[in-house]
C-alpha atoms as a PDB file:
ATOM      1  CA  MET A   1       8.703 -15.227  10.490  1.00  0.00           C
ATOM      2  CA  ASN A   2       7.127 -12.160  11.788  1.00  0.00           C
ATOM      3  CA  ALA A   3       2.636 -11.907  11.151  1.00  0.00           C
ATOM      4  CA  ASN A   4       3.410  -9.031   8.509  1.00  0.00           C
ATOM      5  CA  ASP A   5       5.350 -11.402   6.804  1.00  0.00           C
ATOM      6  CA  LEU A   6       2.844 -14.148   6.812  1.00  0.00           C
ATOM      7  CA  LYS A   7       0.032 -11.895   5.692  1.00  0.00           C
ATOM      8  CA  SER A   8       2.257 -10.369   2.919  1.00  0.00           C
ATOM      9  CA  ARG A   9       2.941 -13.862   1.665  1.00  0.00           C
ATOM     10  CA  PHE A  10      -0.754 -14.991   2.183  1.00  0.00           C
ATOM     11  CA  PHE A  11      -1.848 -11.667   0.265  1.00  0.00           C
ATOM     12  CA  LEU A  12       0.623 -12.193  -2.652  1.00  0.00           C
ATOM     13  CA  ARG A  13      -0.489 -16.178  -3.112  1.00  0.00           C
ATOM     14  CA  SER A  14      -4.147 -15.672  -3.040  1.00  0.00           C
ATOM     15  CA  THR A  15      -4.025 -12.719  -5.474  1.00  0.00           C
ATOM     16  CA  ILE A  16      -2.257 -14.996  -8.152  1.00  0.00           C
ATOM     17  CA  ALA A  17      -3.876 -17.558  -7.485  1.00  0.00           C
ATOM     18  CA  LEU A  18      -7.144 -15.186  -8.159  1.00  0.00           C
ATOM     19  CA  LEU A  19      -5.404 -14.323 -11.575  1.00  0.00           C
ATOM     20  CA  LEU A  20      -4.329 -17.669 -12.020  1.00  0.00           C
ATOM     21  CA  ILE A  21      -8.626 -18.898 -11.910  1.00  0.00           C
ATOM     22  CA  LEU A  22      -9.696 -15.405 -13.896  1.00  0.00           C
ATOM     23  CA  ASN A  23      -7.169 -16.209 -16.542  1.00  0.00           C
ATOM     24  CA  PHE A  24      -8.196 -19.913 -17.168  1.00  0.00           C
ATOM     25  CA  SER A  25     -11.829 -19.338 -16.583  1.00  0.00           C
ATOM     26  CA  SER A  26     -11.293 -16.460 -19.515  1.00  0.00           C
ATOM     27  CA  VAL A  27      -9.288 -19.377 -22.011  1.00  0.00           C
ATOM     28  CA  CYS A  28     -11.660 -22.176 -21.050  1.00  0.00           C
ATOM     29  CA  PRO A  29     -15.508 -21.348 -21.154  1.00  0.00           C
ATOM     30  CA  SER A  30     -17.305 -22.850 -18.482  1.00  0.00           C
ATOM     31  CA  SER A  31     -20.134 -25.344 -19.423  1.00  0.00           C
ATOM     32  CA  ALA A  32     -21.877 -24.456 -16.168  1.00  0.00           C
ATOM     33  CA  GLN A  33     -25.599 -23.940 -17.186  1.00  0.00           C
ATOM     34  CA  ALA A  34     -28.608 -22.602 -14.839  1.00  0.00           C
ATOM     35  CA  ALA A  35     -31.105 -25.276 -14.238  1.00  0.00           C
ATOM     36  CA  PRO A  36     -34.013 -25.341 -16.767  1.00  0.00           C
ATOM     37  CA  GLY A  37     -36.430 -22.184 -15.564  1.00  0.00           C
ATOM     38  CA  GLN A  38     -33.701 -20.425 -13.238  1.00  0.00           C
ATOM     39  CA  THR A  39     -32.495 -17.276 -14.535  1.00  0.00           C
ATOM     40  CA  LEU A  40     -28.917 -16.119 -13.147  1.00  0.00           C
ATOM     41  CA  PRO A  41     -28.658 -12.668 -12.299  1.00  0.00           C
ATOM     42  CA  ASP A  42     -26.566 -10.467 -14.660  1.00  0.00           C
ATOM     43  CA  TYR A  43     -23.508 -10.526 -12.174  1.00  0.00           C
ATOM     44  CA  MET A  44     -23.111 -14.379 -12.602  1.00  0.00           C
ATOM     45  CA  ASP A  45     -22.331 -13.998 -16.419  1.00  0.00           C
ATOM     46  CA  VAL A  46     -18.647 -13.765 -15.767  1.00  0.00           C
ATOM     47  CA  ILE A  47     -18.661 -16.891 -13.997  1.00  0.00           C
ATOM     48  CA  VAL A  48     -20.858 -18.856 -16.118  1.00  0.00           C
ATOM     49  CA  GLY A  49     -19.137 -18.098 -19.479  1.00  0.00           C
ATOM     50  CA  ASN A  50     -22.350 -15.876 -20.708  1.00  0.00           C
ATOM     51  CA  ALA A  51     -20.324 -12.683 -20.618  1.00  0.00           C
ATOM     52  CA  ALA A  52     -18.994 -11.280 -24.055  1.00  0.00           C
ATOM     53  CA  SER A  53     -15.703 -12.581 -25.052  1.00  0.00           C
ATOM     54  CA  SER A  54     -12.401 -10.525 -24.189  1.00  0.00           C
ATOM     55  CA  THR A  55      -9.734 -10.948 -26.717  1.00  0.00           C
ATOM     56  CA  LYS A  56      -6.642 -12.682 -25.192  1.00  0.00           C
ATOM     57  CA  SER A  57      -4.848  -9.748 -24.925  1.00  0.00           C
ATOM     58  CA  GLN A  58      -7.756  -7.869 -23.116  1.00  0.00           C
ATOM     59  CA  VAL A  59      -7.304 -10.415 -20.616  1.00  0.00           C
ATOM     60  CA  ALA A  60      -3.372 -10.058 -19.960  1.00  0.00           C
ATOM     61  CA  GLU A  61      -4.082  -6.362 -19.781  1.00  0.00           C
ATOM     62  CA  GLN A  62      -6.690  -6.925 -17.106  1.00  0.00           C
ATOM     63  CA  ASN A  63      -4.661  -9.392 -15.265  1.00  0.00           C
ATOM     64  CA  VAL A  64      -1.544  -7.208 -15.246  1.00  0.00           C
ATOM     65  CA  LEU A  65      -3.223  -4.128 -14.015  1.00  0.00           C
ATOM     66  CA  ALA A  66      -5.087  -6.267 -11.209  1.00  0.00           C
ATOM     67  CA  LEU A  67      -1.940  -7.203 -10.204  1.00  0.00           C
ATOM     68  CA  ASP A  68      -0.521  -4.108 -10.291  1.00  0.00           C
ATOM     69  CA  ILE A  69      -2.954  -2.682  -7.802  1.00  0.00           C
ATOM     70  CA  ALA A  70      -3.225  -6.012  -5.802  1.00  0.00           C
ATOM     71  CA  MET A  71       0.888  -5.199  -5.007  1.00  0.00           C
ATOM     72  CA  PHE A  72       0.234  -1.418  -3.804  1.00  0.00           C
ATOM     73  CA  GLY A  73      -0.435  -2.731  -0.099  1.00  0.00           C
ATOM     74  CA  LEU A  74       3.124  -4.904  -0.071  1.00  0.00           C
ATOM     75  CA  TYR A  75       5.019  -1.553  -1.633  1.00  0.00           C
ATOM     76  CA  ASP A  76       3.130   0.173   1.090  1.00  0.00           C
ATOM     77  CA  ASP A  77       4.365  -2.335   3.499  1.00  0.00           C
ATOM     78  CA  ALA A  78       7.835  -2.615   2.303  1.00  0.00           C
ATOM     79  CA  GLN A  79       8.319   1.236   2.124  1.00  0.00           C
ATOM     80  CA  MET A  80       7.129   1.519   6.101  1.00  0.00           C
ATOM     81  CA  LYS A  81      10.167  -0.955   7.059  1.00  0.00           C
ATOM     82  CA  PHE A  82      12.765   0.385   5.019  1.00  0.00           C
ATOM     83  CA  GLN A  83      12.343   3.930   6.279  1.00  0.00           C
ATOM     84  CA  LYS A  84      11.864   2.822   9.461  1.00  0.00           C
ATOM     85  CA  ASN A  85      15.186   0.576   9.002  1.00  0.00           C
ATOM     86  CA  PHE A  86      16.750   3.461   6.941  1.00  0.00           C
ATOM     87  CA  LEU A  87      15.693   6.291   9.516  1.00  0.00           C
ATOM     88  CA  GLY A  88      16.793   4.050  12.624  1.00  0.00           C
ATOM     89  CA  GLN A  89      20.298   3.895  11.265  1.00  0.00           C
ATOM     90  CA  HIS A  90      21.270   6.755   9.128  1.00  0.00           C
ATOM     91  CA  PRO A  91      20.879  10.660   9.376  1.00  0.00           C
ATOM     92  CA  VAL A  92      18.987  12.292   6.735  1.00  0.00           C
ATOM     93  CA  ILE A  93      18.080  16.034   5.597  1.00  0.00           C
ATOM     94  CA  MET A  94      14.894  16.308   3.808  1.00  0.00           C
ATOM     95  CA  ALA A  95      14.778  20.068   1.617  1.00  0.00           C
ATOM     96  CA  LEU A  96      11.358  20.948   0.966  1.00  0.00           C
ATOM     97  CA  PHE A  97      11.962  23.858  -1.288  1.00  0.00           C
ATOM     98  CA  SER A  98       9.038  26.832  -1.785  1.00  0.00           C
ATOM     99  CA  ASN A  99       9.304  30.638  -3.048  1.00  0.00           C
ATOM    100  CA  GLN A 100       9.883  31.413   0.904  1.00  0.00           C
ATOM    101  CA  GLY A 101      13.384  29.831   1.019  1.00  0.00           C
ATOM    102  CA  GLY A 102      11.869  26.060   1.872  1.00  0.00           C
ATOM    103  CA  THR A 103      12.471  23.973   4.969  1.00  0.00           C
ATOM    104  CA  LEU A 104      15.249  21.657   5.930  1.00  0.00           C
ATOM    105  CA  MET A 105      14.518  18.744   7.903  1.00  0.00           C
ATOM    106  CA  LEU A 106      17.157  17.142  10.013  1.00  0.00           C
ATOM    107  CA  TYR A 107      16.329  13.293  10.769  1.00  0.00           C
ATOM    108  CA  ARG A 108      18.527  11.661  13.362  1.00  0.00           C
ATOM    109  CA  PRO A 109      18.270   7.804  14.542  1.00  0.00           C
ATOM    110  CA  GLY A 110      16.639   7.870  17.844  1.00  0.00           C
ATOM    111  CA  LYS A 111      15.665  11.151  18.176  1.00  0.00           C
ATOM    112  CA  ALA A 112      13.123  13.573  17.539  1.00  0.00           C
ATOM    113  CA  PRO A 113      13.082  15.703  13.878  1.00  0.00           C
ATOM    114  CA  LEU A 114      15.232  18.761  13.756  1.00  0.00           C
ATOM    115  CA  GLU A 115      13.783  21.999  11.890  1.00  0.00           C
ATOM    116  CA  ALA A 116      16.048  24.717  10.587  1.00  0.00           C
ATOM    117  CA  PRO A 117      15.177  28.181  10.988  1.00  0.00           C
ATOM    118  CA  GLN A 118      13.384  29.974   8.055  1.00  0.00           C
ATOM    119  CA  VAL A 119      15.701  31.871   5.420  1.00  0.00           C
ATOM    120  CA  PRO A 120      16.102  35.649   6.018  1.00  0.00           C
ATOM    121  CA  VAL A 121      14.021  37.883   3.465  1.00  0.00           C
ATOM    122  CA  ARG A 122      17.815  38.791   2.167  1.00  0.00           C
ATOM    123  CA  TYR A 123      18.219  35.481   0.768  1.00  0.00           C
ATOM    124  CA  GLN A 124      14.653  35.420  -0.698  1.00  0.00           C
ATOM    125  CA  ILE A 125      15.453  38.514  -2.530  1.00  0.00           C
ATOM    126  CA  TYR A 126      19.053  37.232  -3.898  1.00  0.00           C
ATOM    127  CA  LYS A 127      17.255  34.380  -5.184  1.00  0.00           C
ATOM    128  CA  SER A 128      14.897  36.330  -7.113  1.00  0.00           C
ATOM    129  CA  VAL A 129      17.600  38.637  -8.712  1.00  0.00           C
ATOM    130  CA  GLY A 130      19.315  35.683  -9.195  1.00  0.00           C
ATOM    131  CA  HIS A 131      16.464  34.251 -11.247  1.00  0.00           C
ATOM    132  CA  SER A 132      15.638  37.041 -13.091  1.00  0.00           C
ATOM    133  CA  ALA A 133      19.038  37.201 -15.051  1.00  0.00           C
ATOM    134  CA  LEU A 134      18.898  33.986 -15.673  1.00  0.00           C
ATOM    135  CA  ALA A 135      14.898  34.200 -16.920  1.00  0.00           C
ATOM    136  CA  LEU A 136      16.393  37.627 -19.244  1.00  0.00           C
ATOM    137  CA  PHE A 137      19.253  35.023 -20.622  1.00  0.00           C
ATOM    138  CA  ARG A 138      16.995  32.658 -21.262  1.00  0.00           C
ATOM    139  CA  VAL A 139      14.668  35.019 -23.258  1.00  0.00           C
ATOM    140  CA  GLY A 140      17.539  36.243 -25.247  1.00  0.00           C
ATOM    141  CA  ARG A 141      18.766  33.133 -26.339  1.00  0.00           C
ATOM    142  CA  LEU A 142      15.403  32.050 -27.376  1.00  0.00           C
ATOM    143  CA  SER A 143      15.141  35.369 -29.237  1.00  0.00           C
ATOM    144  CA  LEU A 144      18.364  35.140 -30.981  1.00  0.00           C
ATOM    145  CA  GLY A 145      17.510  31.519 -32.101  1.00  0.00           C
ATOM    146  CA  ASN A 146      20.120  29.619 -30.157  1.00  0.00           C
ATOM    147  CA  CYS A 147      17.832  27.322 -28.324  1.00  0.00           C
END
């Protein structure tokens, strides 16, 4: 088990424990009070139970949202591991499209990415002519009411 796995497990367990504590404290109001003559700062109201009460559905919603936010770090780690493992074993072609034809990148295992040359202007003209015909057909269908 490596250090990243241990960190991920610790983070997940800590998050779950915190959410359970928050959920328990919202269901069972605390009986802790400040000593006579002592006032607590406003931010302590949530801890000692003086805060405005929330419904069970509000508490559940807040807990689910907090869990979702806490999981982003784990998702990022998993994505990096998956991407590294997948790109390390399989070639991948990534197409990033634009009005100028886009960019094609070839990612090969163990090699630097290879970028395909830009498409000629002739391709862009052909593409525009094809899209114009398609747009005319679509406008014609709309005007005939046969969407």
